[in-house]
Protein backbone atom coordinates (compact mmCIF):
# COMPACT_ATOMS: atom_id res chain seq x y z
CA MET A 1 4.33 -12.56 -59.01
CA LYS A 2 3.76 -15.05 -56.14
CA LYS A 3 7.02 -14.00 -54.58
CA GLU A 4 5.95 -10.35 -54.68
CA LEU A 5 2.55 -11.16 -53.09
CA TYR A 6 4.28 -13.21 -50.37
CA SER A 7 6.68 -10.35 -49.64
CA GLN A 8 3.80 -7.89 -49.46
CA GLU A 9 1.88 -10.19 -47.09
CA MET A 10 4.95 -10.45 -44.86
CA ALA A 11 5.24 -6.68 -44.82
CA ASP A 12 1.54 -6.24 -44.00
CA ASN A 13 1.71 -8.77 -41.14
CA TYR A 14 4.81 -7.10 -39.75
CA LEU A 15 3.15 -3.68 -39.80
CA GLU A 16 -0.05 -5.07 -38.26
CA LYS A 17 1.86 -6.68 -35.41
CA LYS A 18 3.92 -3.53 -34.95
CA PHE A 19 0.80 -1.37 -34.66
CA GLU A 20 -0.76 -3.85 -32.20
CA SER A 21 2.39 -3.77 -30.10
CA MET A 22 2.46 0.03 -30.08
CA ALA A 23 -1.25 0.21 -29.24
CA GLY A 24 -0.71 -2.19 -26.33
CA LYS A 25 2.11 -0.09 -24.91
CA SER A 26 0.03 3.07 -25.33
CA ALA A 27 -2.90 1.48 -23.49
CA ALA A 28 -0.57 0.38 -20.71
CA ARG A 29 0.72 3.94 -20.33
CA LYS A 30 -2.84 5.25 -20.11
CA ALA A 31 -4.03 2.58 -17.66
CA PRO A 32 -5.73 4.23 -14.66
CA ARG A 33 -3.85 4.36 -11.38
CA GLN A 34 -4.88 1.65 -8.96
CA TYR A 35 -6.02 3.48 -5.82
CA ALA A 36 -6.00 1.85 -2.42
CA GLY A 37 -9.45 1.29 -0.98
CA LEU A 38 -10.66 3.56 1.80
CA GLU A 39 -10.45 0.81 4.42
CA ALA A 40 -6.83 0.09 3.46
CA LEU A 41 -5.92 3.77 3.76
CA LEU A 42 -7.67 4.06 7.13
CA LYS A 43 -5.69 1.08 8.44
CA LYS A 44 -2.44 2.70 7.26
CA ASN A 45 -3.39 6.03 8.80
CA ARG A 46 -2.04 5.50 12.30
CA SER A 47 -0.54 8.13 14.64
CA TYR A 48 3.24 7.96 14.34
CA ARG A 49 5.40 9.64 16.96
CA GLU A 50 8.89 8.73 15.72
CA TYR A 51 10.25 9.52 12.24
CA ASP A 52 13.14 8.81 9.91
CA THR A 53 14.95 12.15 9.69
CA ALA A 54 16.88 10.94 6.62
CA TYR A 55 13.67 11.38 4.64
CA LYS A 56 12.78 14.95 3.68
CA VAL A 57 9.13 15.81 3.19
CA THR A 58 8.73 18.35 0.38
CA LEU A 59 6.60 21.45 0.17
CA ASN A 60 4.76 19.88 -2.77
CA GLN A 61 3.72 16.95 -0.59
CA LEU A 62 2.34 19.26 2.09
CA GLU A 63 0.51 21.31 -0.55
CA ALA A 64 -1.05 18.11 -1.94
CA MET A 65 -2.39 17.37 1.55
CA VAL A 66 -3.86 20.86 1.94
CA ARG A 67 -5.52 20.64 -1.49
CA MET A 68 -7.75 17.89 -0.11
CA ASN A 69 -9.68 20.57 1.78
CA ARG A 70 -11.31 21.68 -1.50
CA TYR A 71 -13.20 18.39 -1.49
CA LEU A 72 -13.96 18.07 2.23
CA ALA A 73 -17.15 19.04 4.01
CA SER A 74 -17.29 22.37 5.85
CA GLY A 75 -20.10 23.54 8.13
CA ARG A 76 -22.17 26.15 6.27
CA ASN A 77 -19.35 26.01 3.72
CA ALA A 78 -17.48 28.54 5.86
CA GLN A 79 -14.02 27.22 4.86
CA SER A 80 -12.44 29.15 7.72
CA LEU A 81 -9.31 27.02 8.19
CA ARG A 82 -5.92 28.36 7.09
CA PHE A 83 -2.58 26.57 6.91
CA ARG A 84 1.10 27.31 7.49
CA LEU A 85 3.39 24.76 5.83
CA LEU A 86 6.78 23.99 7.30
CA THR A 87 9.51 21.70 5.99
CA LYS A 88 13.08 21.14 7.11
CA ASP A 89 14.14 23.68 4.46
CA SER A 90 11.61 26.32 5.52
CA GLY A 91 12.19 26.62 9.24
CA SER A 92 10.36 23.69 10.81
CA ASP A 93 13.06 23.65 13.50
CA ARG A 94 11.28 26.66 15.04
CA LEU A 95 8.61 24.25 16.28
CA GLN A 96 10.96 21.82 17.97
CA GLY A 97 10.57 21.91 21.73
CA LEU A 98 7.19 23.65 21.53
CA TYR A 99 4.99 20.55 21.37
CA HIS A 100 4.69 17.18 23.09
CA LEU A 101 3.80 13.70 21.82
CA GLY A 102 2.63 10.50 23.48
CA ARG A 103 0.79 11.79 26.52
CA ALA A 104 -0.02 8.18 27.47
CA LEU A 105 3.71 7.30 27.38
CA PRO A 106 5.36 10.03 29.48
CA GLU A 107 8.30 7.78 30.36
CA LEU A 108 9.45 7.88 26.71
CA ASN A 109 9.74 11.68 26.68
CA LEU A 110 8.49 11.94 23.09
CA PRO A 111 9.40 13.16 20.57
CA ARG A 112 12.64 11.20 20.92
CA LYS A 113 15.75 13.19 20.03
CA GLY A 114 16.89 12.22 16.55
CA ALA A 115 13.46 10.90 15.59
CA GLU A 116 11.42 14.10 15.63
CA PRO A 117 9.03 14.97 12.78
CA GLU A 118 10.53 17.66 10.56
CA ALA A 119 7.53 18.70 8.48
CA PHE A 120 4.34 20.28 9.81
CA ILE A 121 1.01 21.75 8.76
CA VAL A 122 -0.10 24.29 11.36
CA ILE A 123 -3.87 24.79 11.21
CA CYS A 124 -5.40 28.15 12.14
CA SER A 125 -8.86 29.69 11.75
CA THR A 126 -10.30 32.99 10.61
CA VAL A 127 -13.24 32.65 13.05
CA PRO A 128 -13.53 32.09 16.82
CA PRO A 129 -13.73 28.50 18.10
CA GLY A 130 -17.15 26.87 17.95
CA ARG A 131 -18.97 23.60 17.29
CA ASN A 132 -18.86 23.80 13.50
CA LEU A 133 -15.21 24.83 13.51
CA TYR A 134 -14.11 21.83 15.57
CA ILE A 135 -16.11 19.48 13.34
CA ASP A 136 -14.42 21.05 10.31
CA LEU A 137 -11.04 20.67 12.02
CA GLY A 138 -11.53 16.94 12.59
CA ILE A 139 -12.64 16.36 9.01
CA CYS A 140 -9.69 18.40 7.75
CA CYS A 141 -7.06 16.52 9.76
CA GLU A 142 -8.40 13.10 8.79
CA GLY A 143 -8.67 14.04 5.12
CA MET A 144 -5.13 15.39 4.96
CA LEU A 145 -3.65 12.40 6.79
CA LEU A 146 -5.46 10.00 4.45
CA LYS A 147 -3.77 11.83 1.57
CA ALA A 148 -0.44 11.43 3.38
CA ALA A 149 -1.10 7.68 3.67
CA ASP A 150 -1.96 7.59 -0.03
CA MET A 151 1.47 9.13 -0.76
CA GLY A 152 3.26 6.60 1.44
CA LEU A 153 3.76 9.02 4.34
CA GLN A 154 2.68 8.95 7.97
CA GLY A 155 1.64 11.62 10.44
CA VAL A 156 0.10 12.56 13.75
CA ILE A 157 -2.30 15.23 14.99
CA ILE A 158 -0.72 17.35 17.74
CA CYS A 159 -2.87 19.29 20.18
CA ASN A 160 -0.46 19.33 23.12
CA PHE A 161 1.33 22.66 22.62
CA ASN A 162 1.28 26.25 23.85
CA ALA A 163 -0.65 28.24 21.23
CA ASP A 164 0.89 31.58 22.19
CA GLU A 165 4.44 30.22 21.91
CA VAL A 166 3.77 28.62 18.52
CA LYS A 167 2.06 31.74 17.21
CA LYS A 168 5.03 33.88 18.24
CA ALA A 169 7.69 31.46 16.96
CA LEU A 170 6.08 31.27 13.51
CA ASP A 171 4.86 34.88 13.40
CA LEU A 172 1.35 33.66 12.65
CA PRO A 173 -1.42 36.20 11.95
CA LEU A 174 -4.00 33.76 13.41
CA ASP A 175 -4.21 31.55 16.50
CA PRO A 176 -3.11 27.94 15.87
CA LEU A 177 -5.71 25.25 16.57
CA CYS A 178 -3.62 22.15 16.03
CA ILE A 179 -0.54 20.86 14.24
CA VAL A 180 -0.26 17.94 11.82
CA ALA A 181 3.23 16.42 11.72
CA VAL A 182 4.23 14.49 8.58
CA GLY A 183 7.11 12.17 7.69
CA LYS A 184 8.28 8.60 7.28
CA GLY A 185 7.25 6.81 10.45
CA LEU A 186 9.65 4.45 12.20
CA GLU A 187 7.27 2.63 14.51
CA LYS A 188 5.50 -0.65 14.05
CA ILE A 189 1.86 -0.07 14.99
CA GLU A 190 -0.83 -2.69 15.47
CA ILE A 191 -4.53 -2.41 16.28
CA VAL A 192 -5.90 -4.72 18.97
CA ASP A 193 -9.55 -5.43 19.74
CA ALA A 194 -11.13 -3.82 22.79
CA ALA A 195 -14.57 -3.96 24.39
CA GLU A 196 -16.66 -1.38 26.22
CA GLY A 197 -15.05 -0.64 29.59
CA ASP A 198 -11.53 -1.78 28.60
CA ASP A 199 -8.48 0.44 29.03
CA LEU A 200 -8.17 2.24 25.68
CA ASN A 201 -4.77 3.85 26.28
CA TYR A 202 -2.20 2.95 23.65
CA TYR A 203 0.93 1.20 24.90
CA ARG A 204 4.25 -0.26 23.74
CA LYS A 205 5.48 -3.79 24.28
CA ASP A 206 8.50 -5.56 22.76
CA GLY A 207 9.06 -2.67 20.34
CA ILE A 208 5.49 -2.63 19.01
CA HIS A 209 3.03 0.23 19.52
CA TYR A 210 -0.41 -1.21 20.29
CA VAL A 211 -3.64 0.75 19.84
CA PRO A 212 -6.82 -0.69 21.42
CA LYS A 213 -9.87 -0.07 19.23
CA LEU A 214 -13.47 -0.92 20.08
CA THR A 215 -14.96 -3.65 17.91
CA PRO A 216 -17.98 -2.89 15.70
CA GLU A 217 -20.10 -4.93 18.12
CA SER A 218 -19.14 -2.51 20.89
CA LEU A 219 -19.88 0.56 18.76
CA ILE A 220 -23.37 -0.34 17.52
CA LEU A 221 -26.20 0.36 19.94
CA PRO A 222 -28.64 -2.53 20.42
CA GLU A 223 -32.25 -2.14 19.32
């Protein structure tokens, strides 16, 4: 009888431990994703002008960026921005040669051949340009690029292009306002402190791209 009770106890303990182990694994699978804080994402969200062309951005990744606009502010809730998505597999090469990067570094002739971005979100509007539209555009670009940073990608906002040429090349039904390029950035970028009156142009030195940013003390108006 004692032997039977001992065997039953062993069986019960085994099953109890087994259930605990399974419950632990299930809880681990259901553990919430650890999101990066906003400040960390903002620090990652730098303007990259050279990209690893071995990495292919997918249409799903671009769509995930555009989906962020459902949660972003829009003046009078107009939601007038529209998007054309372009990857290497869907004709992004039509944009090459129609835009320029690095206006503060003309000697580099960016984008550098062999390091061009190969995925783009072209942003258009259903309404004429105006104050609210440009505010919406800024919010939109920042929101989408923060999503790119969250996915481990980098990007840059491009405004230096001929709108008529881009519209014709892509057969767009609306005028393009700006272009967001997306990819795996190659550059090493560092932020350096700057004060009011300093030269704020970005520059490169010893292979590092430096971006002067005003300190909080320079941004806050005194009482």
